[in-house]
Protein backbone atom coordinates (compact mmCIF):
# COMPACT_ATOMS: atom_id res chain seq x y z
CA MET A 1 79.10 65.27 81.33
CA GLY A 2 81.78 66.05 78.75
CA ILE A 3 85.24 64.47 78.90
CA GLY A 4 84.94 62.33 82.03
CA ARG A 5 84.99 63.70 85.54
CA GLN A 6 88.27 62.01 86.49
CA VAL A 7 90.53 64.90 87.51
CA ALA A 8 93.66 64.43 89.61
CA THR A 9 92.57 64.26 93.22
CA THR A 10 95.68 66.11 94.30
CA ILE A 11 94.13 69.42 93.19
CA ARG A 12 91.13 68.95 95.46
CA GLU A 13 93.35 67.67 98.24
CA ARG A 14 95.40 70.84 98.05
CA LEU A 15 92.28 73.00 97.98
CA ALA A 16 91.03 71.27 101.12
CA ALA A 17 93.53 72.97 103.44
CA LYS A 18 92.12 75.88 105.47
CA ASN A 19 92.83 79.61 105.19
CA GLN A 20 95.00 79.45 102.11
CA LEU A 21 95.68 82.59 100.15
CA LEU A 22 94.45 83.14 96.58
CA VAL A 23 95.74 86.25 94.83
CA SER A 24 94.43 87.45 91.45
CA VAL A 25 96.96 88.84 88.97
CA LYS A 26 96.50 90.72 85.71
CA ASP A 27 99.89 90.27 84.00
CA ALA A 28 103.25 88.52 84.05
CA GLY A 29 104.86 91.16 86.26
CA GLU A 30 102.31 90.64 88.99
CA ALA A 31 102.61 86.88 88.58
CA ARG A 32 106.34 87.11 89.31
CA LEU A 33 105.64 88.96 92.57
CA VAL A 34 103.03 86.43 93.67
CA LEU A 35 105.23 83.47 92.79
CA GLU A 36 108.14 85.08 94.60
CA ALA A 37 105.96 85.59 97.66
CA GLY A 38 104.50 82.10 97.59
CA VAL A 39 100.72 81.72 97.72
CA ALA A 40 98.45 78.69 97.44
CA VAL A 41 96.57 79.78 94.32
CA LEU A 42 97.58 82.24 91.61
CA ASP A 43 94.42 83.42 89.88
CA ILE A 44 94.46 85.03 86.41
CA LYS A 45 91.89 87.68 85.54
CA ASP A 46 91.40 91.04 83.83
CA PRO A 47 90.16 93.35 86.62
CA ALA A 48 89.21 96.03 84.09
CA ALA A 49 86.73 93.60 82.50
CA GLY A 50 84.76 93.00 85.69
CA SER A 51 84.75 90.85 88.79
CA LEU A 52 85.61 87.73 86.80
CA GLY A 53 87.03 89.41 83.71
CA ARG A 54 88.67 86.93 81.36
CA ALA A 55 92.26 87.76 80.48
CA SER A 56 93.38 87.47 76.87
CA LYS A 57 95.08 84.35 75.57
CA SER A 58 98.33 86.29 75.27
CA ILE A 59 98.15 87.19 78.97
CA TRP A 60 97.44 83.57 79.85
CA ASP A 61 100.47 82.51 77.81
CA ASP A 62 102.72 85.17 79.33
CA ILE A 63 101.76 84.25 82.89
CA LEU A 64 102.06 80.51 82.27
CA GLY A 65 105.52 81.17 80.84
CA VAL A 66 106.49 82.91 84.08
CA VAL A 67 105.08 79.98 86.06
CA ARG A 68 107.15 77.51 84.03
CA GLU A 69 110.28 79.60 84.64
CA ASP A 70 109.53 79.62 88.35
CA GLN A 71 109.01 75.86 88.39
CA ALA A 72 112.32 75.34 86.59
CA SER A 73 114.15 77.52 89.13
CA ARG A 74 112.73 75.49 91.99
CA LYS A 75 114.42 72.40 90.55
CA SER A 76 117.81 74.10 90.85
CA PRO A 77 119.68 73.24 94.09
CA ILE A 78 120.63 76.90 94.38
CA GLU A 79 117.24 78.51 93.75
CA SER A 80 114.97 75.80 95.14
CA SER A 81 112.92 76.65 98.24
CA PRO A 82 111.16 73.49 99.49
CA SER A 83 109.08 75.50 101.97
CA ILE A 84 107.25 77.29 99.14
CA PRO A 85 105.29 74.81 96.98
CA VAL A 86 104.28 75.54 93.40
CA PRO A 87 100.85 77.22 93.51
CA LEU A 88 97.75 76.00 91.77
CA ILE A 89 96.74 78.19 88.82
CA SER A 90 93.15 79.31 88.31
CA ALA A 91 91.51 81.50 85.69
CA ALA A 92 88.36 83.59 85.51
CA LEU A 93 86.34 83.03 82.33
CA GLY A 94 83.97 86.00 82.46
CA GLU A 95 80.19 85.85 82.81
CA LEU A 96 78.08 82.95 81.61
CA LEU A 97 75.66 85.07 79.57
CA GLU A 98 78.46 87.02 77.86
CA SER A 99 81.35 84.58 77.39
CA LYS A 100 82.00 81.84 74.88
CA PRO A 101 83.80 78.59 75.72
CA VAL A 102 87.50 78.53 74.84
CA ALA A 103 90.31 76.01 75.07
CA ILE A 104 92.02 76.24 78.45
CA PRO A 105 95.79 75.84 78.11
CA ALA A 106 97.73 73.25 80.06
CA GLY A 107 98.96 74.70 83.31
CA ILE A 108 95.63 76.19 84.38
CA ASP A 109 94.19 73.87 87.01
CA ILE A 110 90.93 75.53 88.03
CA VAL A 111 88.35 77.70 86.24
CA LYS A 112 85.28 79.70 87.18
CA ILE A 113 82.50 81.51 85.33
CA GLY A 114 80.22 84.20 86.79
CA LEU A 115 76.44 84.15 86.99
CA ALA A 116 75.59 87.84 86.70
CA GLN A 117 72.03 88.42 85.43
CA CYS A 118 71.33 84.68 85.61
CA GLY A 119 68.92 85.09 88.49
CA ASP A 120 66.33 86.27 85.99
CA LEU A 121 66.43 83.00 84.07
CA ALA A 122 63.71 80.46 84.78
CA ASP A 123 64.83 77.10 86.11
CA ASN A 124 63.95 75.15 83.00
CA SER A 125 65.69 73.80 79.90
CA ALA A 126 66.97 77.31 79.20
CA GLY A 127 67.87 78.01 82.83
CA TRP A 128 71.29 78.97 84.12
CA GLN A 129 72.06 75.46 85.39
CA ASP A 130 71.75 73.89 81.94
CA ARG A 131 73.66 76.73 80.35
CA TRP A 132 76.45 76.35 82.91
CA LEU A 133 76.71 72.60 82.31
CA ALA A 134 76.73 73.12 78.56
CA PHE A 135 79.46 75.75 78.92
CA ARG A 136 81.55 73.32 80.96
CA GLU A 137 81.05 70.52 78.46
CA GLU A 138 82.10 72.65 75.48
CA THR A 139 85.05 74.16 77.35
CA GLU A 140 86.38 70.74 78.30
CA ALA A 141 85.84 69.43 74.77
CA LEU A 142 87.87 72.35 73.37
CA SER A 143 90.51 71.79 76.04
CA CYS A 144 90.64 68.02 75.41
CA ARG A 145 90.68 67.37 79.16
CA PRO A 146 88.50 67.64 82.25
CA LEU A 147 88.96 70.67 84.49
CA GLU A 148 88.23 71.56 88.07
CA TRP A 149 85.40 74.11 88.38
CA ILE A 150 84.48 76.57 91.10
CA ALA A 151 80.87 77.77 91.24
CA VAL A 152 80.49 81.50 91.88
CA ALA A 153 77.78 83.06 94.05
CA TYR A 154 77.55 86.84 93.79
CA PHE A 155 76.06 88.38 96.91
CA ASP A 156 75.43 92.00 95.84
CA PRO A 157 71.91 92.70 94.49
CA PRO A 158 73.00 94.56 91.30
CA ALA A 159 74.44 91.28 90.02
CA HIS A 160 70.92 89.81 89.65
CA ALA A 161 72.56 86.43 90.23
CA PRO A 162 71.00 83.20 91.49
CA SER A 163 70.72 82.95 95.25
CA LEU A 164 73.56 81.65 97.35
CA ARG A 165 71.41 78.65 98.25
CA GLU A 166 70.79 77.81 94.57
CA VAL A 167 74.46 78.03 93.65
CA ALA A 168 75.60 76.05 96.69
CA ASP A 169 73.10 73.26 95.95
CA PHE A 170 74.20 73.22 92.30
CA ALA A 171 77.88 72.96 93.26
CA ILE A 172 77.17 70.08 95.64
CA GLU A 173 74.85 68.20 93.27
CA ASN A 174 77.36 68.42 90.41
CA ASP A 175 80.41 67.54 92.50
CA LEU A 176 82.28 70.74 91.70
CA ALA A 177 85.63 71.50 93.29
CA GLY A 178 84.25 74.36 95.32
CA LEU A 179 82.15 77.46 95.83
CA LEU A 180 83.29 81.09 95.73
CA LEU A 181 81.39 83.92 97.44
CA ASP A 182 82.19 87.19 95.72
CA SER A 183 80.89 90.65 94.88
CA HIS A 184 80.10 91.59 91.31
CA SER A 185 79.99 95.37 91.23
CA LYS A 186 82.77 96.04 93.81
CA THR A 187 80.78 99.10 94.91
CA GLY A 188 77.94 97.50 96.83
CA GLY A 189 79.66 96.69 100.12
CA THR A 190 81.89 93.93 101.39
CA LEU A 191 81.14 90.33 102.24
CA PHE A 192 80.41 91.18 105.86
CA ASP A 193 78.05 93.99 104.90
CA HIS A 194 75.81 91.30 103.40
CA PHE A 195 76.28 88.29 105.69
CA GLN A 196 76.55 87.73 109.41
CA ALA A 197 79.58 85.70 110.40
CA GLU A 198 77.51 82.94 111.99
CA ASN A 199 75.51 82.43 108.78
CA LEU A 200 78.70 82.22 106.75
CA GLN A 201 80.07 79.71 109.24
CA ARG A 202 77.08 77.43 108.75
CA LEU A 203 77.46 77.60 104.98
CA ILE A 204 81.20 76.89 105.12
CA THR A 205 80.67 73.90 107.37
CA GLU A 206 77.94 72.52 105.10
CA VAL A 207 79.94 72.93 101.89
CA GLN A 208 83.10 71.47 103.39
CA SER A 209 81.16 68.50 104.79
CA GLN A 210 80.17 67.66 101.20
CA GLY A 211 83.82 67.53 100.11
CA LEU A 212 83.88 70.93 98.40
CA SER A 213 86.18 73.83 99.12
CA LEU A 214 84.82 77.24 100.11
CA ALA A 215 86.46 80.49 99.01
CA LEU A 216 85.63 83.88 100.51
CA ALA A 217 86.17 87.05 98.49
CA GLY A 218 84.25 90.29 98.15
CA GLN A 219 86.79 93.02 98.87
CA LEU A 220 88.49 91.43 101.85
CA THR A 221 90.75 93.91 103.61
CA THR A 222 93.24 93.90 106.48
CA THR A 223 90.25 94.77 108.69
CA THR A 224 87.90 91.99 107.54
CA LEU A 225 90.50 89.32 106.81
CA ALA A 226 90.83 88.37 110.47
CA THR A 227 87.07 87.74 110.69
CA ALA A 228 87.11 85.76 107.45
CA LYS A 229 90.03 83.69 108.67
CA SER A 230 88.22 82.84 111.91
CA LEU A 231 85.54 81.07 109.84
CA ASN A 232 88.14 78.63 108.44
CA PRO A 233 87.30 78.78 104.75
CA ASN A 234 89.62 76.95 102.41
CA LEU A 235 90.61 80.03 100.44
CA LEU A 236 90.87 83.73 101.23
CA ALA A 237 90.69 85.39 97.81
CA VAL A 238 92.10 88.89 97.41
CA ARG A 239 93.10 91.49 94.87
CA SER A 240 92.21 95.02 96.02
CA ALA A 241 93.88 94.45 99.37
CA VAL A 242 97.26 93.78 97.75
CA CYS A 243 97.08 96.53 95.11
CA ARG A 244 98.42 100.07 95.31
CA GLU A 245 95.98 102.36 97.10
CA GLY A 246 93.70 99.36 97.58
CA ASN A 247 92.53 99.82 93.98
CA ARG A 248 92.04 96.51 92.15
CA LEU A 249 92.79 98.19 88.83
CA LEU A 250 96.27 99.26 89.94
CA GLU A 251 99.35 97.07 90.33
CA ILE A 252 100.10 94.62 93.13
CA GLU A 253 102.63 95.82 95.72
CA MET A 254 104.90 93.35 97.50
CA GLU A 255 104.58 95.16 100.83
CA ARG A 256 100.80 94.82 100.78
CA LEU A 257 101.06 91.23 99.55
CA HIS A 258 103.39 90.39 102.40
CA GLN A 259 101.12 92.07 104.95
CA ILE A 260 98.06 90.13 103.80
CA GLY A 261 100.09 86.93 103.63
CA LYS A 262 101.23 87.23 107.23
CA MET A 263 97.63 87.59 108.30
CA SER A 264 96.52 84.33 106.72
CA GLN A 265 96.81 81.28 108.91
CA GLN A 266 98.72 79.22 106.39
CA SER A 267 100.76 82.03 104.93
CA GLN A 268 103.53 80.78 102.72
CA LEU A 269 105.07 84.19 102.25
CA THR A 270 108.76 84.05 103.11
CA PRO A 271 110.56 87.36 103.86
CA GLY A 272 113.80 86.00 102.37
CA ARG A 273 112.12 85.72 98.96
CA CYS A 274 110.89 89.31 98.96
CA ARG A 275 112.89 92.00 97.17
């Protein structure tokens, strides 16, 4: 089990709210925009390295520095904005079969690792479940602290990932913080090209009833976000939708960020904070 499973309950309590916005950023500049806008979760990744591309340590450090600056400004009577809480910080760690455990710096609250190509592994001592647990144990040992983990279920066939049912059962059985539904290739259709809304609703209800949070991703857009929101997931995870030209490899634009934020039920975006 690694370094205990006692993690501050406040993280899970905050994740439990419905229709919160998670935005993935690739550098400190984007982090400033997202912090200025005010979202529930700021996610760090390298979009050029894949769906869950791990950013470099220097990028982690740069973004965490920006977060610390933002937190300090909130303590100032002049700059403080009580209506916009400090977001949780999450980080993508890459793919299980390609990535090595690393120390996670203080300030990152939540982590996730992808399961691309893991569907081909037999469910035995060398199966993906044991590898995932071993990866968590080593990561937490290197980090000298327990972490909150989100299981990732890829829904597009090219990912060759374990089934949604397998990943959901694993997340529940191992008391993870939550489950993320995402696409791996970003070219094989959106979430709603692969699932009917009523089936997603049943899954969300089941996962939430077990005390886990459910995050929906998979190229959510201004068109599909309303449908996703109606299902009451805990997190609506976006990147492409807030980037220039809708291209996840390009930079985040405040106008797009604000538009997506207004569409989320619990939007914390405040026009007065936008430049």
